[in-house]
Amino acid sequence: KKILNTKSIKVKILLVNDGSTDKTEEMLN
């Protein structure tokens, strides 16, 4: 993201927690 921003590219990260039953949601947050 940092490198692409230096190239004037606006970056958005889309993270889909697909029904995880472990601590994925907690770690993402």
PDB file of all heavy atoms in Angstrom:
ATOM      1  N   LYS A   1       0.829  -1.204   0.000  1.00  0.00           N
ATOM      2  CA  LYS A   1       0.000   0.000   0.000  1.00  0.00           C
ATOM      3  C   LYS A   1       0.869   1.262   0.000  1.00  0.00           C
ATOM      4  O   LYS A   1       0.588   2.225  -0.737  1.00  0.00           O
ATOM      5  CB  LYS A   1      -0.916  -0.015   1.228  1.00  0.00           C
ATOM      6  CG  LYS A   1      -1.939   1.094   1.265  1.00  0.00           C
ATOM      7  CD  LYS A   1      -2.818   0.940   2.511  1.00  0.00           C
ATOM      8  CE  LYS A   1      -3.817   2.079   2.609  1.00  0.00           C
ATOM      9  NZ  LYS A   1      -4.627   1.994   3.853  1.00  0.00           N
ATOM     10  N   LYS A   2       1.908   1.239   0.789  1.00  0.00           N
ATOM     11  CA  LYS A   2       2.812   2.386   0.886  1.00  0.00           C
ATOM     12  C   LYS A   2       3.473   2.678  -0.459  1.00  0.00           C
ATOM     13  O   LYS A   2       3.524   3.836  -0.906  1.00  0.00           O
ATOM     14  CB  LYS A   2       3.877   2.109   1.953  1.00  0.00           C
ATOM     15  CG  LYS A   2       4.901   3.213   2.121  1.00  0.00           C
ATOM     16  CD  LYS A   2       5.924   2.832   3.188  1.00  0.00           C
ATOM     17  CE  LYS A   2       7.003   3.905   3.327  1.00  0.00           C
ATOM     18  NZ  LYS A   2       8.020   3.509   4.351  1.00  0.00           N
ATOM     19  N   ILE A   3       3.962   1.633  -1.119  1.00  0.00           N
ATOM     20  CA  ILE A   3       4.646   1.819  -2.399  1.00  0.00           C
ATOM     21  C   ILE A   3       3.682   2.297  -3.480  1.00  0.00           C
ATOM     22  O   ILE A   3       3.998   3.206  -4.262  1.00  0.00           O
ATOM     23  CB  ILE A   3       5.341   0.510  -2.828  1.00  0.00           C
ATOM     24  CG1 ILE A   3       6.481   0.176  -1.853  1.00  0.00           C
ATOM     25  CG2 ILE A   3       5.882   0.620  -4.257  1.00  0.00           C
ATOM     26  CD1 ILE A   3       7.089  -1.198  -2.060  1.00  0.00           C
ATOM     27  N   LEU A   4       2.492   1.709  -3.527  1.00  0.00           N
ATOM     28  CA  LEU A   4       1.518   2.110  -4.535  1.00  0.00           C
ATOM     29  C   LEU A   4       1.054   3.549  -4.312  1.00  0.00           C
ATOM     30  O   LEU A   4       0.817   4.292  -5.268  1.00  0.00           O
ATOM     31  CB  LEU A   4       0.328   1.159  -4.533  1.00  0.00           C
ATOM     32  CG  LEU A   4       0.603  -0.259  -5.048  1.00  0.00           C
ATOM     33  CD1 LEU A   4      -0.645  -1.127  -4.915  1.00  0.00           C
ATOM     34  CD2 LEU A   4       1.081  -0.242  -6.497  1.00  0.00           C
ATOM     35  N   ASN A   5       0.942   3.956  -3.064  1.00  0.00           N
ATOM     36  CA  ASN A   5       0.556   5.340  -2.771  1.00  0.00           C
ATOM     37  C   ASN A   5       1.589   6.336  -3.282  1.00  0.00           C
ATOM     38  O   ASN A   5       1.238   7.441  -3.720  1.00  0.00           O
ATOM     39  CB  ASN A   5       0.343   5.533  -1.268  1.00  0.00           C
ATOM     40  CG  ASN A   5      -0.952   4.926  -0.745  1.00  0.00           C
ATOM     41  OD1 ASN A   5      -1.095   4.682   0.450  1.00  0.00           O
ATOM     42  ND2 ASN A   5      -1.902   4.657  -1.624  1.00  0.00           N
ATOM     43  N   THR A   6       2.860   5.951  -3.251  1.00  0.00           N
ATOM     44  CA  THR A   6       3.914   6.837  -3.780  1.00  0.00           C
ATOM     45  C   THR A   6       3.799   6.985  -5.290  1.00  0.00           C
ATOM     46  O   THR A   6       4.351   7.925  -5.868  1.00  0.00           O
ATOM     47  CB  THR A   6       5.320   6.311  -3.433  1.00  0.00           C
ATOM     48  OG1 THR A   6       5.558   5.067  -4.101  1.00  0.00           O
ATOM     49  CG2 THR A   6       5.491   6.136  -1.936  1.00  0.00           C
ATOM     50  N   LYS A   7       3.087   6.061  -5.930  1.00  0.00           N
ATOM     51  CA  LYS A   7       2.863   6.127  -7.377  1.00  0.00           C
ATOM     52  C   LYS A   7       1.522   6.791  -7.702  1.00  0.00           C
ATOM     53  O   LYS A   7       1.016   6.696  -8.817  1.00  0.00           O
ATOM     54  CB  LYS A   7       2.915   4.722  -7.981  1.00  0.00           C
ATOM     55  CG  LYS A   7       4.253   4.011  -7.784  1.00  0.00           C
ATOM     56  CD  LYS A   7       4.208   2.603  -8.362  1.00  0.00           C
ATOM     57  CE  LYS A   7       5.514   1.869  -8.120  1.00  0.00           C
ATOM     58  NZ  LYS A   7       6.644   2.474  -8.866  1.00  0.00           N
ATOM     59  N   SER A   8       0.949   7.425  -6.682  1.00  0.00           N
ATOM     60  CA  SER A   8      -0.328   8.147  -6.818  1.00  0.00           C
ATOM     61  C   SER A   8      -1.497   7.216  -7.151  1.00  0.00           C
ATOM     62  O   SER A   8      -2.441   7.608  -7.843  1.00  0.00           O
ATOM     63  CB  SER A   8      -0.211   9.256  -7.878  1.00  0.00           C
ATOM     64  OG  SER A   8       0.773  10.204  -7.499  1.00  0.00           O
ATOM     65  N   ILE A   9      -1.432   5.982  -6.676  1.00  0.00           N
ATOM     66  CA  ILE A   9      -2.526   5.032  -6.821  1.00  0.00           C
ATOM     67  C   ILE A   9      -3.256   4.941  -5.480  1.00  0.00           C
ATOM     68  O   ILE A   9      -2.664   4.618  -4.455  1.00  0.00           O
ATOM     69  CB  ILE A   9      -2.026   3.637  -7.232  1.00  0.00           C
ATOM     70  CG1 ILE A   9      -1.304   3.706  -8.574  1.00  0.00           C
ATOM     71  CG2 ILE A   9      -3.197   2.651  -7.322  1.00  0.00           C
ATOM     72  CD1 ILE A   9      -0.663   2.386  -8.987  1.00  0.00           C
ATOM     73  N   LYS A  10      -4.536   5.250  -5.494  1.00  0.00           N
ATOM     74  CA  LYS A  10      -5.343   5.154  -4.286  1.00  0.00           C
ATOM     75  C   LYS A  10      -5.707   3.688  -4.048  1.00  0.00           C
ATOM     76  O   LYS A  10      -6.325   3.049  -4.895  1.00  0.00           O
ATOM     77  CB  LYS A  10      -6.611   5.993  -4.422  1.00  0.00           C
ATOM     78  CG  LYS A  10      -7.466   6.022  -3.167  1.00  0.00           C
ATOM     79  CD  LYS A  10      -8.691   6.892  -3.356  1.00  0.00           C
ATOM     80  CE  LYS A  10      -9.563   6.894  -2.109  1.00  0.00           C
ATOM     81  NZ  LYS A  10     -10.775   7.737  -2.284  1.00  0.00           N
ATOM     82  N   VAL A  11      -5.324   3.166  -2.902  1.00  0.00           N
ATOM     83  CA  VAL A  11      -5.493   1.742  -2.610  1.00  0.00           C
ATOM     84  C   VAL A  11      -6.496   1.548  -1.479  1.00  0.00           C
ATOM     85  O   VAL A  11      -6.438   2.228  -0.453  1.00  0.00           O
ATOM     86  CB  VAL A  11      -4.149   1.093  -2.208  1.00  0.00           C
ATOM     87  CG1 VAL A  11      -4.347  -0.388  -1.882  1.00  0.00           C
ATOM     88  CG2 VAL A  11      -3.124   1.253  -3.321  1.00  0.00           C
ATOM     89  N   LYS A  12      -7.408   0.604  -1.687  1.00  0.00           N
ATOM     90  CA  LYS A  12      -8.324   0.198  -0.618  1.00  0.00           C
ATOM     91  C   LYS A  12      -8.197  -1.302  -0.424  1.00  0.00           C
ATOM     92  O   LYS A  12      -8.123  -2.067  -1.387  1.00  0.00           O
ATOM     93  CB  LYS A  12      -9.773   0.557  -0.964  1.00  0.00           C
ATOM     94  CG  LYS A  12     -10.746   0.320   0.188  1.00  0.00           C
ATOM     95  CD  LYS A  12     -12.089   0.951  -0.068  1.00  0.00           C
ATOM     96  CE  LYS A  12     -13.010   0.814   1.151  1.00  0.00           C
ATOM     97  NZ  LYS A  12     -14.308   1.489   0.938  1.00  0.00           N
ATOM     98  N   ILE A  13      -8.162  -1.730   0.834  1.00  0.00           N
ATOM     99  CA  ILE A  13      -8.038  -3.146   1.173  1.00  0.00           C
ATOM    100  C   ILE A  13      -9.416  -3.682   1.565  1.00  0.00           C
ATOM    101  O   ILE A  13     -10.061  -3.159   2.479  1.00  0.00           O
ATOM    102  CB  ILE A  13      -7.054  -3.373   2.340  1.00  0.00           C
ATOM    103  CG1 ILE A  13      -5.738  -2.613   2.104  1.00  0.00           C
ATOM    104  CG2 ILE A  13      -6.794  -4.860   2.535  1.00  0.00           C
ATOM    105  CD1 ILE A  13      -4.992  -3.016   0.867  1.00  0.00           C
ATOM    106  N   LEU A  14      -9.873  -4.713   0.863  1.00  0.00           N
ATOM    107  CA  LEU A  14     -11.162  -5.346   1.147  1.00  0.00           C
ATOM    108  C   LEU A  14     -10.909  -6.740   1.715  1.00  0.00           C
ATOM    109  O   LEU A  14     -10.442  -7.637   1.016  1.00  0.00           O
ATOM    110  CB  LEU A  14     -11.998  -5.440  -0.141  1.00  0.00           C
ATOM    111  CG  LEU A  14     -12.202  -4.139  -0.913  1.00  0.00           C
ATOM    112  CD1 LEU A  14     -13.001  -4.403  -2.193  1.00  0.00           C
ATOM    113  CD2 LEU A  14     -12.898  -3.085  -0.063  1.00  0.00           C
ATOM    114  N   LEU A  15     -11.205  -6.910   2.989  1.00  0.00           N
ATOM    115  CA  LEU A  15     -10.944  -8.169   3.687  1.00  0.00           C
ATOM    116  C   LEU A  15     -12.264  -8.850   4.002  1.00  0.00           C
ATOM    117  O   LEU A  15     -13.121  -8.281   4.682  1.00  0.00           O
ATOM    118  CB  LEU A  15     -10.183  -7.902   4.984  1.00  0.00           C
ATOM    119  CG  LEU A  15      -8.845  -7.172   4.834  1.00  0.00           C
ATOM    120  CD1 LEU A  15      -8.372  -6.638   6.175  1.00  0.00           C
ATOM    121  CD2 LEU A  15      -7.789  -8.108   4.235  1.00  0.00           C
ATOM    122  N   VAL A  16     -12.434 -10.075   3.494  1.00  0.00           N
ATOM    123  CA  VAL A  16     -13.691 -10.798   3.723  1.00  0.00           C
ATOM    124  C   VAL A  16     -13.425 -11.981   4.647  1.00  0.00           C
ATOM    125  O   VAL A  16     -12.773 -12.960   4.267  1.00  0.00           O
ATOM    126  CB  VAL A  16     -14.304 -11.289   2.403  1.00  0.00           C
ATOM    127  CG1 VAL A  16     -15.587 -12.078   2.687  1.00  0.00           C
ATOM    128  CG2 VAL A  16     -14.609 -10.103   1.487  1.00  0.00           C
ATOM    129  N   ASN A  17     -13.913 -11.859   5.879  1.00  0.00           N
ATOM    130  CA  ASN A  17     -13.852 -12.960   6.835  1.00  0.00           C
ATOM    131  C   ASN A  17     -15.022 -13.891   6.534  1.00  0.00           C
ATOM    132  O   ASN A  17     -16.169 -13.592   6.858  1.00  0.00           O
ATOM    133  CB  ASN A  17     -13.919 -12.425   8.263  1.00  0.00           C
ATOM    134  CG  ASN A  17     -14.039 -13.530   9.285  1.00  0.00           C
ATOM    135  OD1 ASN A  17     -13.534 -14.630   9.098  1.00  0.00           O
ATOM    136  ND2 ASN A  17     -14.740 -13.242  10.365  1.00  0.00           N
ATOM    137  N   ASP A  18     -14.721 -15.023   5.918  1.00  0.00           N
ATOM    138  CA  ASP A  18     -15.760 -15.869   5.337  1.00  0.00           C
ATOM    139  C   ASP A  18     -16.277 -16.920   6.323  1.00  0.00           C
ATOM    140  O   ASP A  18     -16.085 -18.119   6.148  1.00  0.00           O
ATOM    141  CB  ASP A  18     -15.211 -16.544   4.066  1.00  0.00           C
ATOM    142  CG  ASP A  18     -16.297 -17.236   3.261  1.00  0.00           C
ATOM    143  OD1 ASP A  18     -17.476 -16.852   3.390  1.00  0.00           O
ATOM    144  OD2 ASP A  18     -15.962 -18.164   2.498  1.00  0.00           O
ATOM    145  N   GLY A  19     -16.929 -16.436   7.373  1.00  0.00           N
ATOM    146  CA  GLY A  19     -17.538 -17.348   8.342  1.00  0.00           C
ATOM    147  C   GLY A  19     -16.540 -18.115   9.181  1.00  0.00           C
ATOM    148  O   GLY A  19     -16.817 -19.253   9.593  1.00  0.00           O
ATOM    149  N   SER A  20     -15.405 -17.511   9.481  1.00  0.00           N
ATOM    150  CA  SER A  20     -14.374 -18.194  10.279  1.00  0.00           C
ATOM    151  C   SER A  20     -14.892 -18.554  11.671  1.00  0.00           C
ATOM    152  O   SER A  20     -15.670 -17.815  12.271  1.00  0.00           O
ATOM    153  CB  SER A  20     -13.138 -17.309  10.414  1.00  0.00           C
ATOM    154  OG  SER A  20     -12.542 -17.063   9.168  1.00  0.00           O
ATOM    155  N   THR A  21     -14.417 -19.685  12.174  1.00  0.00           N
ATOM    156  CA  THR A  21     -14.798 -20.132  13.510  1.00  0.00           C
ATOM    157  C   THR A  21     -13.638 -20.018  14.498  1.00  0.00           C
ATOM    158  O   THR A  21     -13.789 -20.372  15.669  1.00  0.00           O
ATOM    159  CB  THR A  21     -15.297 -21.594  13.471  1.00  0.00           C
ATOM    160  OG1 THR A  21     -14.274 -22.427  12.900  1.00  0.00           O
ATOM    161  CG2 THR A  21     -16.562 -21.703  12.631  1.00  0.00           C
ATOM    162  N   ASP A  22     -12.495 -19.534  14.027  1.00  0.00           N
ATOM    163  CA  ASP A  22     -11.348 -19.330  14.916  1.00  0.00           C
ATOM    164  C   ASP A  22     -11.257 -17.839  15.262  1.00  0.00           C
ATOM    165  O   ASP A  22     -12.269 -17.149  15.319  1.00  0.00           O
ATOM    166  CB  ASP A  22     -10.060 -19.860  14.271  1.00  0.00           C
ATOM    167  CG  ASP A  22      -9.685 -19.083  13.014  1.00  0.00           C
ATOM    168  OD1 ASP A  22     -10.473 -18.201  12.595  1.00  0.00           O
ATOM    169  OD2 ASP A  22      -8.607 -19.354  12.458  1.00  0.00           O
ATOM    170  N   LYS A  23     -10.069 -17.316  15.477  1.00  0.00           N
ATOM    171  CA  LYS A  23      -9.899 -15.929  15.897  1.00  0.00           C
ATOM    172  C   LYS A  23      -9.581 -14.992  14.730  1.00  0.00           C
ATOM    173  O   LYS A  23      -9.031 -13.904  14.944  1.00  0.00           O
ATOM    174  CB  LYS A  23      -8.792 -15.840  16.957  1.00  0.00           C
ATOM    175  CG  LYS A  23      -9.125 -16.551  18.261  1.00  0.00           C
ATOM    176  CD  LYS A  23      -8.011 -16.382  19.274  1.00  0.00           C
ATOM    177  CE  LYS A  23      -8.349 -17.082  20.587  1.00  0.00           C
ATOM    178  NZ  LYS A  23      -7.236 -16.932  21.585  1.00  0.00           N
ATOM    179  N   THR A  24      -9.945 -15.392  13.519  1.00  0.00           N
ATOM    180  CA  THR A  24      -9.656 -14.554  12.361  1.00  0.00           C
ATOM    181  C   THR A  24     -10.266 -13.163  12.497  1.00  0.00           C
ATOM    182  O   THR A  24      -9.596 -12.149  12.254  1.00  0.00           O
ATOM    183  CB  THR A  24     -10.164 -15.223  11.070  1.00  0.00           C
ATOM    184  OG1 THR A  24      -9.447 -16.441  10.855  1.00  0.00           O
ATOM    185  CG2 THR A  24      -9.971 -14.308   9.872  1.00  0.00           C
ATOM    186  N   GLU A  25     -11.536 -13.093  12.874  1.00  0.00           N
ATOM    187  CA  GLU A  25     -12.188 -11.795  13.003  1.00  0.00           C
ATOM    188  C   GLU A  25     -11.491 -10.928  14.041  1.00  0.00           C
ATOM    189  O   GLU A  25     -11.256  -9.724  13.820  1.00  0.00           O
ATOM    190  CB  GLU A  25     -13.661 -11.974  13.375  1.00  0.00           C
ATOM    191  CG  GLU A  25     -14.411 -10.649  13.480  1.00  0.00           C
ATOM    192  CD  GLU A  25     -15.896 -10.837  13.789  1.00  0.00           C
ATOM    193  OE1 GLU A  25     -16.348 -11.999  13.874  1.00  0.00           O
ATOM    194  OE2 GLU A  25     -16.585  -9.809  13.942  1.00  0.00           O
ATOM    195  N   GLU A  26     -11.142 -11.534  15.160  1.00  0.00           N
ATOM    196  CA  GLU A  26     -10.443 -10.795  16.217  1.00  0.00           C
ATOM    197  C   GLU A  26      -9.101 -10.262  15.719  1.00  0.00           C
ATOM    198  O   GLU A  26      -8.737  -9.102  15.982  1.00  0.00           O
ATOM    199  CB  GLU A  26     -10.223 -11.726  17.417  1.00  0.00           C
ATOM    200  CG  GLU A  26      -9.485 -11.090  18.581  1.00  0.00           C
ATOM    201  CD  GLU A  26      -9.264 -12.081  19.721  1.00  0.00           C
ATOM    202  OE1 GLU A  26     -10.111 -12.986  19.900  1.00  0.00           O
ATOM    203  OE2 GLU A  26      -8.245 -11.943  20.431  1.00  0.00           O
ATOM    204  N   MET A  27      -8.365 -11.089  14.998  1.00  0.00           N
ATOM    205  CA  MET A  27      -7.052 -10.679  14.488  1.00  0.00           C
ATOM    206  C   MET A  27      -7.189  -9.585  13.426  1.00  0.00           C
ATOM    207  O   MET A  27      -6.386  -8.643  13.381  1.00  0.00           O
ATOM    208  CB  MET A  27      -6.317 -11.889  13.920  1.00  0.00           C
ATOM    209  CG  MET A  27      -6.000 -12.973  14.937  1.00  0.00           C
ATOM    210  SD  MET A  27      -4.838 -12.405  16.205  1.00  0.00           S
ATOM    211  CE  MET A  27      -3.308 -12.405  15.265  1.00  0.00           C
ATOM    212  N   LEU A  28      -8.191  -9.689  12.576  1.00  0.00           N
ATOM    213  CA  LEU A  28      -8.417  -8.658  11.569  1.00  0.00           C
ATOM    214  C   LEU A  28      -8.718  -7.319  12.222  1.00  0.00           C
ATOM    215  O   LEU A  28      -8.201  -6.272  11.809  1.00  0.00           O
ATOM    216  CB  LEU A  28      -9.566  -9.056  10.643  1.00  0.00           C
ATOM    217  CG  LEU A  28      -9.280 -10.147   9.610  1.00  0.00           C
ATOM    218  CD1 LEU A  28     -10.555 -10.506   8.860  1.00  0.00           C
ATOM    219  CD2 LEU A  28      -8.196  -9.713   8.633  1.00  0.00           C
ATOM    220  N   ASN A  29      -9.548  -7.349  13.244  1.00  0.00           N
ATOM    221  CA  ASN A  29      -9.883  -6.108  13.944  1.00  0.00           C
ATOM    222  C   ASN A  29      -8.652  -5.521  14.632  1.00  0.00           C
ATOM    223  O   ASN A  29      -8.459  -4.298  14.638  1.00  0.00           O
ATOM    224  CB  ASN A  29     -10.981  -6.363  14.970  1.00  0.00           C
ATOM    225  CG  ASN A  29     -12.341  -6.583  14.321  1.00  0.00           C
ATOM    226  OD1 ASN A  29     -12.599  -6.105  13.218  1.00  0.00           O
ATOM    227  ND2 ASN A  29     -13.207  -7.314  14.998  1.00  0.00           N
TER     228      ASN A  29
END
